[in-house]
């Protein structure tokens, strides 16, 4: 059963990062709703997108903390996409994006994390 036993520190760290990302996306949604942007219509659209992304991040973070393997899979897929984008942006800071992605994958797919996620 997933989530049985002590949650590894790396899994906790990834969950905390997801919570921070979710909160920042929700803050961006509020800022967009306040009309700080190009125009009212674009502000509403940006707010909706940022709000949905923020809620998804928070839901996936809860899944990570609970040991949900589906949430781990979602983070893994998004991380692999980020690594690929980092390869294309290698000369413009993509190396950091690649390194962070690799670290996230190591944290979520280590032996301790595999045991936690079941």
PDB file of N, CA and C in Angstrom:
ATOM      1  N   UNK A   1       0.851  -1.183   0.000  1.00  0.00           N
ATOM      2  CA  UNK A   1       0.000   0.000   0.000  1.00  0.00           C
ATOM      3  C   UNK A   1       0.888   1.235   0.000  1.00  0.00           C
ATOM      4  N   UNK A   2       0.566   2.216  -0.839  1.00  0.00           N
ATOM      5  CA  UNK A   2       1.364   3.423  -0.977  1.00  0.00           C
ATOM      6  C   UNK A   2       1.304   4.260   0.294  1.00  0.00           C
ATOM      7  N   UNK A   3       2.405   4.926   0.566  1.00  0.00           N
ATOM      8  CA  UNK A   3       2.457   5.836   1.692  1.00  0.00           C
ATOM      9  C   UNK A   3       2.656   5.163   3.035  1.00  0.00           C
ATOM     10  N   UNK A   4       2.944   3.876   3.048  1.00  0.00           N
ATOM     11  CA  UNK A   4       3.193   3.179   4.303  1.00  0.00           C
ATOM     12  C   UNK A   4       4.643   3.414   4.699  1.00  0.00           C
ATOM     13  N   UNK A   5       4.871   3.698   5.953  1.00  0.00           N
ATOM     14  CA  UNK A   5       6.224   3.916   6.436  1.00  0.00           C
ATOM     15  C   UNK A   5       6.601   5.385   6.378  1.00  0.00           C
ATOM     16  N   UNK A   6       7.846   5.648   6.738  1.00  0.00           N
ATOM     17  CA  UNK A   6       8.334   7.021   6.802  1.00  0.00           C
ATOM     18  C   UNK A   6       8.539   7.572   5.398  1.00  0.00           C
ATOM     19  N   UNK A   7       8.096   8.803   5.207  1.00  0.00           N
ATOM     20  CA  UNK A   7       8.278   9.468   3.917  1.00  0.00           C
ATOM     21  C   UNK A   7       9.719   9.938   3.827  1.00  0.00           C
ATOM     22  N   UNK A   8      10.427   9.596   2.754  1.00  0.00           N
ATOM     23  CA  UNK A   8      11.816  10.033   2.592  1.00  0.00           C
ATOM     24  C   UNK A   8      11.899  11.555   2.484  1.00  0.00           C
ATOM     25  N   UNK A   9      12.999  12.106   2.956  1.00  0.00           N
ATOM     26  CA  UNK A   9      13.196  13.557   2.926  1.00  0.00           C
ATOM     27  C   UNK A   9      13.075  14.107   1.514  1.00  0.00           C
ATOM     28  N   UNK A  10      13.629  13.413   0.528  1.00  0.00           N
ATOM     29  CA  UNK A  10      13.577  13.888  -0.853  1.00  0.00           C
ATOM     30  C   UNK A  10      12.156  14.023  -1.368  1.00  0.00           C
ATOM     31  N   UNK A  11      11.290  13.088  -0.991  1.00  0.00           N
ATOM     32  CA  UNK A  11       9.885  13.150  -1.392  1.00  0.00           C
ATOM     33  C   UNK A  11       9.221  14.349  -0.724  1.00  0.00           C
ATOM     34  N   UNK A  12       9.517  14.560   0.546  1.00  0.00           N
ATOM     35  CA  UNK A  12       8.984  15.714   1.266  1.00  0.00           C
ATOM     36  C   UNK A  12       9.443  17.008   0.606  1.00  0.00           C
ATOM     37  N   UNK A  13      10.713  17.070   0.222  1.00  0.00           N
ATOM     38  CA  UNK A  13      11.261  18.262  -0.424  1.00  0.00           C
ATOM     39  C   UNK A  13      10.544  18.556  -1.736  1.00  0.00           C
ATOM     40  N   UNK A  14      10.313  17.538  -2.550  1.00  0.00           N
ATOM     41  CA  UNK A  14       9.601  17.725  -3.816  1.00  0.00           C
ATOM     42  C   UNK A  14       8.171  18.205  -3.530  1.00  0.00           C
ATOM     43  N   UNK A  15       7.519  17.646  -2.538  1.00  0.00           N
ATOM     44  CA  UNK A  15       6.167  18.075  -2.172  1.00  0.00           C
ATOM     45  C   UNK A  15       6.119  19.528  -1.745  1.00  0.00           C
ATOM     46  N   UNK A  16       7.109  19.947  -0.969  1.00  0.00           N
ATOM     47  CA  UNK A  16       7.170  21.348  -0.523  1.00  0.00           C
ATOM     48  C   UNK A  16       7.377  22.277  -1.718  1.00  0.00           C
ATOM     49  N   UNK A  17       8.242  21.890  -2.638  1.00  0.00           N
ATOM     50  CA  UNK A  17       8.469  22.700  -3.839  1.00  0.00           C
ATOM     51  C   UNK A  17       7.181  22.817  -4.649  1.00  0.00           C
ATOM     52  N   UNK A  18       6.425  21.728  -4.757  1.00  0.00           N
ATOM     53  CA  UNK A  18       5.154  21.764  -5.479  1.00  0.00           C
ATOM     54  C   UNK A  18       4.153  22.693  -4.793  1.00  0.00           C
ATOM     55  N   UNK A  19       4.129  22.686  -3.466  1.00  0.00           N
ATOM     56  CA  UNK A  19       3.234  23.586  -2.730  1.00  0.00           C
ATOM     57  C   UNK A  19       3.620  25.039  -2.993  1.00  0.00           C
ATOM     58  N   UNK A  20       4.903  25.326  -2.957  1.00  0.00           N
ATOM     59  CA  UNK A  20       5.370  26.691  -3.224  1.00  0.00           C
ATOM     60  C   UNK A  20       4.982  27.115  -4.636  1.00  0.00           C
ATOM     61  N   UNK A  21       5.203  26.231  -5.616  1.00  0.00           N
ATOM     62  CA  UNK A  21       4.817  26.531  -7.000  1.00  0.00           C
ATOM     63  C   UNK A  21       3.311  26.778  -7.106  1.00  0.00           C
ATOM     64  N   UNK A  22       2.514  25.967  -6.421  1.00  0.00           N
ATOM     65  CA  UNK A  22       1.068  26.136  -6.449  1.00  0.00           C
ATOM     66  C   UNK A  22       0.620  27.453  -5.854  1.00  0.00           C
ATOM     67  N   UNK A  23       1.210  27.814  -4.725  1.00  0.00           N
ATOM     68  CA  UNK A  23       0.873  29.082  -4.079  1.00  0.00           C
ATOM     69  C   UNK A  23       1.274  30.256  -4.968  1.00  0.00           C
ATOM     70  N   UNK A  24       2.459  30.181  -5.579  1.00  0.00           N
ATOM     71  CA  UNK A  24       2.895  31.253  -6.476  1.00  0.00           C
ATOM     72  C   UNK A  24       1.960  31.386  -7.678  1.00  0.00           C
ATOM     73  N   UNK A  25       1.490  30.269  -8.203  1.00  0.00           N
ATOM     74  CA  UNK A  25       0.548  30.317  -9.331  1.00  0.00           C
ATOM     75  C   UNK A  25      -0.775  30.945  -8.898  1.00  0.00           C
ATOM     76  N   UNK A  26      -1.235  30.635  -7.688  1.00  0.00           N
ATOM     77  CA  UNK A  26      -2.472  31.241  -7.198  1.00  0.00           C
ATOM     78  C   UNK A  26      -2.292  32.741  -6.952  1.00  0.00           C
ATOM     79  N   UNK A  27      -1.127  33.136  -6.485  1.00  0.00           N
ATOM     80  CA  UNK A  27      -0.841  34.563  -6.327  1.00  0.00           C
ATOM     81  C   UNK A  27      -0.843  35.249  -7.690  1.00  0.00           C
ATOM     82  N   UNK A  28      -0.264  34.593  -8.684  1.00  0.00           N
ATOM     83  CA  UNK A  28      -0.276  35.147 -10.046  1.00  0.00           C
ATOM     84  C   UNK A  28      -1.704  35.299 -10.544  1.00  0.00           C
ATOM     85  N   UNK A  29      -2.582  34.362 -10.190  1.00  0.00           N
ATOM     86  CA  UNK A  29      -3.984  34.457 -10.592  1.00  0.00           C
ATOM     87  C   UNK A  29      -4.652  35.671  -9.964  1.00  0.00           C
ATOM     88  N   UNK A  30      -4.374  35.902  -8.691  1.00  0.00           N
ATOM     89  CA  UNK A  30      -4.953  37.056  -8.001  1.00  0.00           C
ATOM     90  C   UNK A  30      -4.431  38.355  -8.617  1.00  0.00           C
ATOM     91  N   UNK A  31      -3.138  38.413  -8.890  1.00  0.00           N
ATOM     92  CA  UNK A  31      -2.555  39.602  -9.507  1.00  0.00           C
ATOM     93  C   UNK A  31      -3.192  39.856 -10.870  1.00  0.00           C
ATOM     94  N   UNK A  32      -3.395  38.798 -11.642  1.00  0.00           N
ATOM     95  CA  UNK A  32      -4.033  38.948 -12.958  1.00  0.00           C
ATOM     96  C   UNK A  32      -5.469  39.441 -12.806  1.00  0.00           C
ATOM     97  N   UNK A  33      -6.172  38.962 -11.798  1.00  0.00           N
ATOM     98  CA  UNK A  33      -7.546  39.417 -11.575  1.00  0.00           C
ATOM     99  C   UNK A  33      -7.610  40.878 -11.175  1.00  0.00           C
ATOM    100  N   UNK A  34      -6.583  41.349 -10.527  1.00  0.00           N
ATOM    101  CA  UNK A  34      -6.542  42.754 -10.130  1.00  0.00           C
ATOM    102  C   UNK A  34      -6.298  43.671 -11.321  1.00  0.00           C
ATOM    103  N   UNK A  35      -6.120  43.072 -12.499  1.00  0.00           N
ATOM    104  CA  UNK A  35      -5.990  43.862 -13.708  1.00  0.00           C
ATOM    105  C   UNK A  35      -4.581  44.335 -14.007  1.00  0.00           C
ATOM    106  N   UNK A  36      -3.603  43.771 -13.335  1.00  0.00           N
ATOM    107  CA  UNK A  36      -2.219  44.140 -13.613  1.00  0.00           C
ATOM    108  C   UNK A  36      -1.809  43.345 -14.837  1.00  0.00           C
ATOM    109  N   UNK A  37      -1.886  43.971 -15.992  1.00  0.00           N
ATOM    110  CA  UNK A  37      -1.589  43.269 -17.235  1.00  0.00           C
ATOM    111  C   UNK A  37      -1.986  44.094 -18.434  1.00  0.00           C
ATOM    112  N   UNK A  38      -2.126  43.429 -19.572  1.00  0.00           N
ATOM    113  CA  UNK A  38      -2.393  44.122 -20.829  1.00  0.00           C
ATOM    114  C   UNK A  38      -3.816  44.657 -20.929  1.00  0.00           C
ATOM    115  N   UNK A  39      -4.759  43.926 -20.447  1.00  0.00           N
ATOM    116  CA  UNK A  39      -6.138  44.343 -20.554  1.00  0.00           C
ATOM    117  C   UNK A  39      -7.023  43.428 -19.749  1.00  0.00           C
ATOM    118  N   UNK A  40      -8.284  43.806 -19.609  1.00  0.00           N
ATOM    119  CA  UNK A  40      -9.190  43.054 -18.762  1.00  0.00           C
ATOM    120  C   UNK A  40      -9.380  41.620 -19.246  1.00  0.00           C
ATOM    121  N   UNK A  41      -9.586  41.437 -20.539  1.00  0.00           N
ATOM    122  CA  UNK A  41      -9.822  40.095 -21.075  1.00  0.00           C
ATOM    123  C   UNK A  41      -8.613  39.197 -20.884  1.00  0.00           C
ATOM    124  N   UNK A  42      -7.431  39.715 -21.170  1.00  0.00           N
ATOM    125  CA  UNK A  42      -6.234  38.895 -20.997  1.00  0.00           C
ATOM    126  C   UNK A  42      -5.971  38.625 -19.525  1.00  0.00           C
ATOM    127  N   UNK A  43      -6.359  39.556 -18.653  1.00  0.00           N
ATOM    128  CA  UNK A  43      -6.174  39.346 -17.219  1.00  0.00           C
ATOM    129  C   UNK A  43      -7.055  38.210 -16.723  1.00  0.00           C
ATOM    130  N   UNK A  44      -8.287  38.143 -17.198  1.00  0.00           N
ATOM    131  CA  UNK A  44      -9.191  37.062 -16.797  1.00  0.00           C
ATOM    132  C   UNK A  44      -8.658  35.722 -17.295  1.00  0.00           C
ATOM    133  N   UNK A  45      -8.214  35.674 -18.545  1.00  0.00           N
ATOM    134  CA  UNK A  45      -7.657  34.436 -19.099  1.00  0.00           C
ATOM    135  C   UNK A  45      -6.423  33.986 -18.352  1.00  0.00           C
ATOM    136  N   UNK A  46      -5.529  34.938 -18.072  1.00  0.00           N
ATOM    137  CA  UNK A  46      -4.313  34.603 -17.330  1.00  0.00           C
ATOM    138  C   UNK A  46      -4.645  34.127 -15.920  1.00  0.00           C
ATOM    139  N   UNK A  47      -5.636  34.761 -15.311  1.00  0.00           N
ATOM    140  CA  UNK A  47      -6.034  34.371 -13.957  1.00  0.00           C
ATOM    141  C   UNK A  47      -6.591  32.952 -13.944  1.00  0.00           C
ATOM    142  N   UNK A  48      -7.412  32.623 -14.921  1.00  0.00           N
ATOM    143  CA  UNK A  48      -7.976  31.275 -14.986  1.00  0.00           C
ATOM    144  C   UNK A  48      -6.890  30.221 -15.176  1.00  0.00           C
ATOM    145  N   UNK A  49      -5.978  30.478 -16.102  1.00  0.00           N
ATOM    146  CA  UNK A  49      -4.905  29.519 -16.360  1.00  0.00           C
ATOM    147  C   UNK A  49      -4.022  29.357 -15.125  1.00  0.00           C
ATOM    148  N   UNK A  50      -3.596  30.473 -14.553  1.00  0.00           N
ATOM    149  CA  UNK A  50      -2.723  30.409 -13.376  1.00  0.00           C
ATOM    150  C   UNK A  50      -3.430  29.749 -12.197  1.00  0.00           C
ATOM    151  N   UNK A  51      -4.721  30.037 -12.026  1.00  0.00           N
ATOM    152  CA  UNK A  51      -5.466  29.437 -10.924  1.00  0.00           C
ATOM    153  C   UNK A  51      -5.591  27.931 -11.068  1.00  0.00           C
ATOM    154  N   UNK A  52      -5.901  27.478 -12.275  1.00  0.00           N
ATOM    155  CA  UNK A  52      -6.025  26.037 -12.518  1.00  0.00           C
ATOM    156  C   UNK A  52      -4.682  25.350 -12.308  1.00  0.00           C
ATOM    157  N   UNK A  53      -3.614  25.941 -12.833  1.00  0.00           N
ATOM    158  CA  UNK A  53      -2.280  25.360 -12.653  1.00  0.00           C
ATOM    159  C   UNK A  53      -1.929  25.301 -11.171  1.00  0.00           C
ATOM    160  N   UNK A  54      -2.221  26.358 -10.436  1.00  0.00           N
ATOM    161  CA  UNK A  54      -1.941  26.370  -9.008  1.00  0.00           C
ATOM    162  C   UNK A  54      -2.683  25.277  -8.260  1.00  0.00           C
ATOM    163  N   UNK A  55      -3.953  25.092  -8.590  1.00  0.00           N
ATOM    164  CA  UNK A  55      -4.737  24.037  -7.936  1.00  0.00           C
ATOM    165  C   UNK A  55      -4.224  22.649  -8.295  1.00  0.00           C
ATOM    166  N   UNK A  56      -3.799  22.475  -9.541  1.00  0.00           N
ATOM    167  CA  UNK A  56      -3.230  21.177  -9.945  1.00  0.00           C
ATOM    168  C   UNK A  56      -1.944  20.905  -9.168  1.00  0.00           C
ATOM    169  N   UNK A  57      -1.081  21.930  -9.057  1.00  0.00           N
ATOM    170  CA  UNK A  57       0.152  21.758  -8.282  1.00  0.00           C
ATOM    171  C   UNK A  57      -0.157  21.347  -6.847  1.00  0.00           C
ATOM    172  N   UNK A  58      -1.137  21.988  -6.226  1.00  0.00           N
ATOM    173  CA  UNK A  58      -1.466  21.665  -4.836  1.00  0.00           C
ATOM    174  C   UNK A  58      -2.044  20.255  -4.715  1.00  0.00           C
ATOM    175  N   UNK A  59      -2.865  19.847  -5.675  1.00  0.00           N
ATOM    176  CA  UNK A  59      -3.437  18.495  -5.644  1.00  0.00           C
ATOM    177  C   UNK A  59      -2.345  17.443  -5.824  1.00  0.00           C
ATOM    178  N   UNK A  60      -1.424  17.701  -6.738  1.00  0.00           N
ATOM    179  CA  UNK A  60      -0.330  16.752  -6.964  1.00  0.00           C
ATOM    180  C   UNK A  60       0.592  16.712  -5.739  1.00  0.00           C
ATOM    181  N   UNK A  61       0.814  17.856  -5.109  1.00  0.00           N
ATOM    182  CA  UNK A  61       1.638  17.887  -3.896  1.00  0.00           C
ATOM    183  C   UNK A  61       1.010  17.025  -2.799  1.00  0.00           C
ATOM    184  N   UNK A  62      -0.308  17.129  -2.643  1.00  0.00           N
ATOM    185  CA  UNK A  62      -0.975  16.293  -1.641  1.00  0.00           C
ATOM    186  C   UNK A  62      -0.776  14.819  -1.973  1.00  0.00           C
ATOM    187  N   UNK A  63      -0.891  14.484  -3.245  1.00  0.00           N
ATOM    188  CA  UNK A  63      -0.660  13.105  -3.661  1.00  0.00           C
ATOM    189  C   UNK A  63       0.756  12.642  -3.371  1.00  0.00           C
ATOM    190  N   UNK A  64       1.721  13.518  -3.584  1.00  0.00           N
ATOM    191  CA  UNK A  64       3.121  13.178  -3.292  1.00  0.00           C
ATOM    192  C   UNK A  64       3.280  12.900  -1.795  1.00  0.00           C
ATOM    193  N   UNK A  65       2.708  13.769  -0.964  1.00  0.00           N
ATOM    194  CA  UNK A  65       2.809  13.564   0.484  1.00  0.00           C
ATOM    195  C   UNK A  65       2.106  12.288   0.929  1.00  0.00           C
ATOM    196  N   UNK A  66       1.009  11.932   0.251  1.00  0.00           N
ATOM    197  CA  UNK A  66       0.244  10.742   0.619  1.00  0.00           C
ATOM    198  C   UNK A  66       0.819   9.449   0.041  1.00  0.00           C
ATOM    199  N   UNK A  67       1.825   9.571  -0.829  1.00  0.00           N
ATOM    200  CA  UNK A  67       2.419   8.381  -1.424  1.00  0.00           C
ATOM    201  C   UNK A  67       1.666   7.882  -2.642  1.00  0.00           C
ATOM    202  N   UNK A  68       0.938   8.776  -3.314  1.00  0.00           N
ATOM    203  CA  UNK A  68       0.166   8.404  -4.495  1.00  0.00           C
ATOM    204  C   UNK A  68       1.093   8.255  -5.694  1.00  0.00           C
ATOM    205  N   UNK A  69       1.132   7.062  -6.262  1.00  0.00           N
ATOM    206  CA  UNK A  69       2.037   6.782  -7.377  1.00  0.00           C
ATOM    207  C   UNK A  69       1.642   7.561  -8.632  1.00  0.00           C
ATOM    208  N   UNK A  70       0.347   7.837  -8.815  1.00  0.00           N
ATOM    209  CA  UNK A  70      -0.105   8.636  -9.952  1.00  0.00           C
ATOM    210  C   UNK A  70       0.457  10.040  -9.907  1.00  0.00           C
ATOM    211  N   UNK A  71       0.507  10.624  -8.713  1.00  0.00           N
ATOM    212  CA  UNK A  71       1.087  11.962  -8.567  1.00  0.00           C
ATOM    213  C   UNK A  71       2.580  11.939  -8.880  1.00  0.00           C
ATOM    214  N   UNK A  72       3.238  10.873  -8.447  1.00  0.00           N
ATOM    215  CA  UNK A  72       4.665  10.739  -8.752  1.00  0.00           C
ATOM    216  C   UNK A  72       4.871  10.633 -10.258  1.00  0.00           C
ATOM    217  N   UNK A  73       4.003   9.910 -10.933  1.00  0.00           N
ATOM    218  CA  UNK A  73       4.090   9.767 -12.388  1.00  0.00           C
ATOM    219  C   UNK A  73       3.886  11.115 -13.079  1.00  0.00           C
ATOM    220  N   UNK A  74       2.911  11.893 -12.627  1.00  0.00           N
ATOM    221  CA  UNK A  74       2.666  13.220 -13.209  1.00  0.00           C
ATOM    222  C   UNK A  74       3.896  14.101 -13.058  1.00  0.00           C
ATOM    223  N   UNK A  75       4.470  14.131 -11.855  1.00  0.00           N
ATOM    224  CA  UNK A  75       5.670  14.945 -11.633  1.00  0.00           C
ATOM    225  C   UNK A  75       6.818  14.438 -12.495  1.00  0.00           C
ATOM    226  N   UNK A  76       6.950  13.133 -12.622  1.00  0.00           N
ATOM    227  CA  UNK A  76       8.011  12.564 -13.452  1.00  0.00           C
ATOM    228  C   UNK A  76       7.875  12.973 -14.907  1.00  0.00           C
ATOM    229  N   UNK A  77       6.658  12.913 -15.447  1.00  0.00           N
ATOM    230  CA  UNK A  77       6.439  13.279 -16.847  1.00  0.00           C
ATOM    231  C   UNK A  77       6.724  14.759 -17.073  1.00  0.00           C
ATOM    232  N   UNK A  78       6.204  15.608 -16.193  1.00  0.00           N
ATOM    233  CA  UNK A  78       6.441  17.051 -16.332  1.00  0.00           C
ATOM    234  C   UNK A  78       7.931  17.358 -16.193  1.00  0.00           C
ATOM    235  N   UNK A  79       8.614  16.654 -15.315  1.00  0.00           N
ATOM    236  CA  UNK A  79      10.049  16.868 -15.129  1.00  0.00           C
ATOM    237  C   UNK A  79      10.832  16.459 -16.368  1.00  0.00           C
ATOM    238  N   UNK A  80      10.471  15.360 -16.980  1.00  0.00           N
ATOM    239  CA  UNK A  80      11.149  14.932 -18.212  1.00  0.00           C
ATOM    240  C   UNK A  80      10.927  15.962 -19.316  1.00  0.00           C
ATOM    241  N   UNK A  81       9.705  16.497 -19.413  1.00  0.00           N
ATOM    242  CA  UNK A  81       9.442  17.557 -20.394  1.00  0.00           C
ATOM    243  C   UNK A  81      10.310  18.774 -20.101  1.00  0.00           C
ATOM    244  N   UNK A  82      10.443  19.140 -18.828  1.00  0.00           N
ATOM    245  CA  UNK A  82      11.300  20.278 -18.456  1.00  0.00           C
ATOM    246  C   UNK A  82      12.757  20.021 -18.815  1.00  0.00           C
ATOM    247  N   UNK A  83      13.221  18.798 -18.651  1.00  0.00           N
ATOM    248  CA  UNK A  83      14.601  18.461 -19.018  1.00  0.00           C
ATOM    249  C   UNK A  83      14.784  18.615 -20.524  1.00  0.00           C
ATOM    250  N   UNK A  84      13.822  18.147 -21.307  1.00  0.00           N
ATOM    251  CA  UNK A  84      13.914  18.274 -22.764  1.00  0.00           C
ATOM    252  C   UNK A  84      13.946  19.751 -23.171  1.00  0.00           C
ATOM    253  N   UNK A  85      13.085  20.557 -22.559  1.00  0.00           N
ATOM    254  CA  UNK A  85      13.093  21.999 -22.835  1.00  0.00           C
ATOM    255  C   UNK A  85      14.435  22.594 -22.436  1.00  0.00           C
ATOM    256  N   UNK A  86      14.995  22.142 -21.326  1.00  0.00           N
ATOM    257  CA  UNK A  86      16.304  22.615 -20.882  1.00  0.00           C
ATOM    258  C   UNK A  86      17.407  22.305 -21.875  1.00  0.00           C
ATOM    259  N   UNK A  87      17.304  21.160 -22.537  1.00  0.00           N
ATOM    260  CA  UNK A  87      18.294  20.803 -23.562  1.00  0.00           C
ATOM    261  C   UNK A  87      18.243  21.823 -24.699  1.00  0.00           C
ATOM    262  N   UNK A  88      17.036  22.213 -25.116  1.00  0.00           N
ATOM    263  CA  UNK A  88      16.901  23.186 -26.195  1.00  0.00           C
ATOM    264  C   UNK A  88      17.311  24.594 -25.764  1.00  0.00           C
ATOM    265  N   UNK A  89      17.258  24.854 -24.465  1.00  0.00           N
ATOM    266  CA  UNK A  89      17.657  26.163 -23.929  1.00  0.00           C
ATOM    267  C   UNK A  89      19.009  26.094 -23.226  1.00  0.00           C
ATOM    268  N   UNK A  90      19.817  25.149 -23.609  1.00  0.00           N
ATOM    269  CA  UNK A  90      21.062  24.865 -22.890  1.00  0.00           C
ATOM    270  C   UNK A  90      21.930  26.104 -22.698  1.00  0.00           C
ATOM    271  N   UNK A  91      22.080  26.902 -23.728  1.00  0.00           N
ATOM    272  CA  UNK A  91      22.956  28.076 -23.645  1.00  0.00           C
ATOM    273  C   UNK A  91      22.312  29.242 -22.903  1.00  0.00           C
ATOM    274  N   UNK A  92      21.016  29.178 -22.662  1.00  0.00           N
ATOM    275  CA  UNK A  92      20.313  30.268 -21.969  1.00  0.00           C
ATOM    276  C   UNK A  92      19.817  29.830 -20.595  1.00  0.00           C
ATOM    277  N   UNK A  93      20.646  29.174 -19.854  1.00  0.00           N
ATOM    278  CA  UNK A  93      20.281  28.755 -18.504  1.00  0.00           C
ATOM    279  C   UNK A  93      19.634  27.388 -18.426  1.00  0.00           C
ATOM    280  N   UNK A  94      19.576  26.693 -19.527  1.00  0.00           N
ATOM    281  CA  UNK A  94      18.955  25.377 -19.539  1.00  0.00           C
ATOM    282  C   UNK A  94      19.680  24.354 -18.699  1.00  0.00           C
ATOM    283  N   UNK A  95      20.952  24.567 -18.463  1.00  0.00           N
ATOM    284  CA  UNK A  95      21.730  23.621 -17.652  1.00  0.00           C
ATOM    285  C   UNK A  95      21.146  23.507 -16.245  1.00  0.00           C
ATOM    286  N   UNK A  96      20.688  24.617 -15.699  1.00  0.00           N
ATOM    287  CA  UNK A  96      20.086  24.601 -14.364  1.00  0.00           C
ATOM    288  C   UNK A  96      18.773  23.833 -14.403  1.00  0.00           C
ATOM    289  N   UNK A  97      17.987  24.060 -15.440  1.00  0.00           N
ATOM    290  CA  UNK A  97      16.723  23.358 -15.614  1.00  0.00           C
ATOM    291  C   UNK A  97      16.958  21.849 -15.729  1.00  0.00           C
ATOM    292  N   UNK A  98      17.996  21.471 -16.449  1.00  0.00           N
ATOM    293  CA  UNK A  98      18.339  20.051 -16.607  1.00  0.00           C
ATOM    294  C   UNK A  98      18.765  19.458 -15.274  1.00  0.00           C
ATOM    295  N   UNK A  99      19.635  20.155 -14.560  1.00  0.00           N
ATOM    296  CA  UNK A  99      20.136  19.648 -13.277  1.00  0.00           C
ATOM    297  C   UNK A  99      19.018  19.513 -12.247  1.00  0.00           C
ATOM    298  N   UNK A 100      18.150  20.511 -12.169  1.00  0.00           N
ATOM    299  CA  UNK A 100      17.031  20.439 -11.223  1.00  0.00           C
ATOM    300  C   UNK A 100      16.126  19.263 -11.579  1.00  0.00           C
ATOM    301  N   UNK A 101      15.868  19.080 -12.864  1.00  0.00           N
ATOM    302  CA  UNK A 101      15.041  17.959 -13.298  1.00  0.00           C
ATOM    303  C   UNK A 101      15.628  16.618 -12.920  1.00  0.00           C
ATOM    304  N   UNK A 102      16.921  16.480 -13.134  1.00  0.00           N
ATOM    305  CA  UNK A 102      17.594  15.228 -12.783  1.00  0.00           C
ATOM    306  C   UNK A 102      17.515  14.976 -11.281  1.00  0.00           C
ATOM    307  N   UNK A 103      17.706  16.031 -10.493  1.00  0.00           N
ATOM    308  CA  UNK A 103      17.635  15.885  -9.030  1.00  0.00           C
ATOM    309  C   UNK A 103      16.232  15.459  -8.605  1.00  0.00           C
ATOM    310  N   UNK A 104      15.209  16.078  -9.194  1.00  0.00           N
ATOM    311  CA  UNK A 104      13.828  15.716  -8.849  1.00  0.00           C
ATOM    312  C   UNK A 104      13.570  14.244  -9.182  1.00  0.00           C
ATOM    313  N   UNK A 105      14.012  13.809 -10.359  1.00  0.00           N
ATOM    314  CA  UNK A 105      13.809  12.408 -10.736  1.00  0.00           C
ATOM    315  C   UNK A 105      14.538  11.462  -9.784  1.00  0.00           C
ATOM    316  N   UNK A 106      15.748  11.823  -9.398  1.00  0.00           N
ATOM    317  CA  UNK A 106      16.497  10.988  -8.448  1.00  0.00           C
ATOM    318  C   UNK A 106      15.759  10.909  -7.113  1.00  0.00           C
ATOM    319  N   UNK A 107      15.249  12.055  -6.644  1.00  0.00           N
ATOM    320  CA  UNK A 107      14.542  12.076  -5.367  1.00  0.00           C
ATOM    321  C   UNK A 107      13.255  11.247  -5.403  1.00  0.00           C
ATOM    322  N   UNK A 108      12.545  11.287  -6.524  1.00  0.00           N
ATOM    323  CA  UNK A 108      11.268  10.583  -6.602  1.00  0.00           C
ATOM    324  C   UNK A 108      11.394   9.116  -6.990  1.00  0.00           C
ATOM    325  N   UNK A 109      12.542   8.730  -7.540  1.00  0.00           N
ATOM    326  CA  UNK A 109      12.681   7.345  -7.996  1.00  0.00           C
ATOM    327  C   UNK A 109      13.846   6.618  -7.317  1.00  0.00           C
ATOM    328  N   UNK A 110      14.298   7.138  -6.173  1.00  0.00           N
ATOM    329  CA  UNK A 110      15.301   6.436  -5.383  1.00  0.00           C
ATOM    330  C   UNK A 110      14.677   5.188  -4.767  1.00  0.00           C
ATOM    331  N   UNK A 111      15.521   4.340  -4.223  1.00  0.00           N
ATOM    332  CA  UNK A 111      15.019   3.098  -3.612  1.00  0.00           C
ATOM    333  C   UNK A 111      14.052   3.399  -2.453  1.00  0.00           C
ATOM    334  N   UNK A 112      14.390   4.380  -1.630  1.00  0.00           N
ATOM    335  CA  UNK A 112      13.511   4.738  -0.500  1.00  0.00           C
ATOM    336  C   UNK A 112      12.184   5.303  -1.005  1.00  0.00           C
ATOM    337  N   UNK A 113      12.242   6.124  -2.047  1.00  0.00           N
ATOM    338  CA  UNK A 113      11.010   6.687  -2.596  1.00  0.00           C
ATOM    339  C   UNK A 113      10.156   5.600  -3.228  1.00  0.00           C
ATOM    340  N   UNK A 114      10.780   4.661  -3.936  1.00  0.00           N
ATOM    341  CA  UNK A 114      10.029   3.560  -4.542  1.00  0.00           C
ATOM    342  C   UNK A 114       9.302   2.756  -3.457  1.00  0.00           C
ATOM    343  N   UNK A 115       9.981   2.527  -2.345  1.00  0.00           N
ATOM    344  CA  UNK A 115       9.361   1.783  -1.239  1.00  0.00           C
ATOM    345  C   UNK A 115       8.189   2.570  -0.661  1.00  0.00           C
ATOM    346  N   UNK A 116       8.343   3.897  -0.552  1.00  0.00           N
ATOM    347  CA  UNK A 116       7.285   4.734  -0.003  1.00  0.00           C
ATOM    348  C   UNK A 116       6.056   4.758  -0.905  1.00  0.00           C
ATOM    349  N   UNK A 117       6.285   4.859  -2.208  1.00  0.00           N
ATOM    350  CA  UNK A 117       5.178   4.925  -3.156  1.00  0.00           C
ATOM    351  C   UNK A 117       4.582   3.547  -3.435  1.00  0.00           C
ATOM    352  N   UNK A 118       5.310   2.530  -3.065  1.00  0.00           N
ATOM    353  CA  UNK A 118       4.792   1.167  -3.201  1.00  0.00           C
ATOM    354  C   UNK A 118       4.902   0.675  -4.565  1.00  0.00           C
TER     355      UNK A 118
END
